[in-house]
Amino acid sequence: MEMINALGRRKAAIARVYLTEGTGKITINKRDLKEYFPSELVQFVVKQPLNLLEVAEKYDIKANLCGGGFTGQSQALRLAIARALVKINEEDKKSLRAAGFITRDPRIVERKKPGQPKARRRFQFSKR
């Protein structure tokens, strides 16, 4: 099996994933998963698609992450991993979609408008 690559985005985060056959090692920006994401919960989010298909020990994952915070980055990585797994085996798409790992979350930060302090917040208004 050759290297499979996929892209995942969430908010401002972009994850580029390279999947090869291996022992289940996940490397992010040349650092180990546990080192890059110390939080157990975030590690769980990243591994969700692998655990769903029970292939966690089958593939090595190299990922480049940039932009956003740790939540956005972990969810972008989850999407990229799910897309890469679908490229390997098309039949997995149904179960991954049912779990909601294939859908790109389109919610991003709304831009700040002129004449307002934030995107929707207006300056304080007083009639007097």
Foldseek 3Di string as FASTA:
>chain_A
DAWFWFWFFFAFKIKIKIKDFAFQWEAEPNHGPCVVDVDPVLVCLLCVLCVQVVCNGTIYMYMYMDDDDSVRRSLRNLQGVNVRVCVVPVVSVVVCVVVPSPDHDPDYAAAADPQAPGNPHHPDDDPD
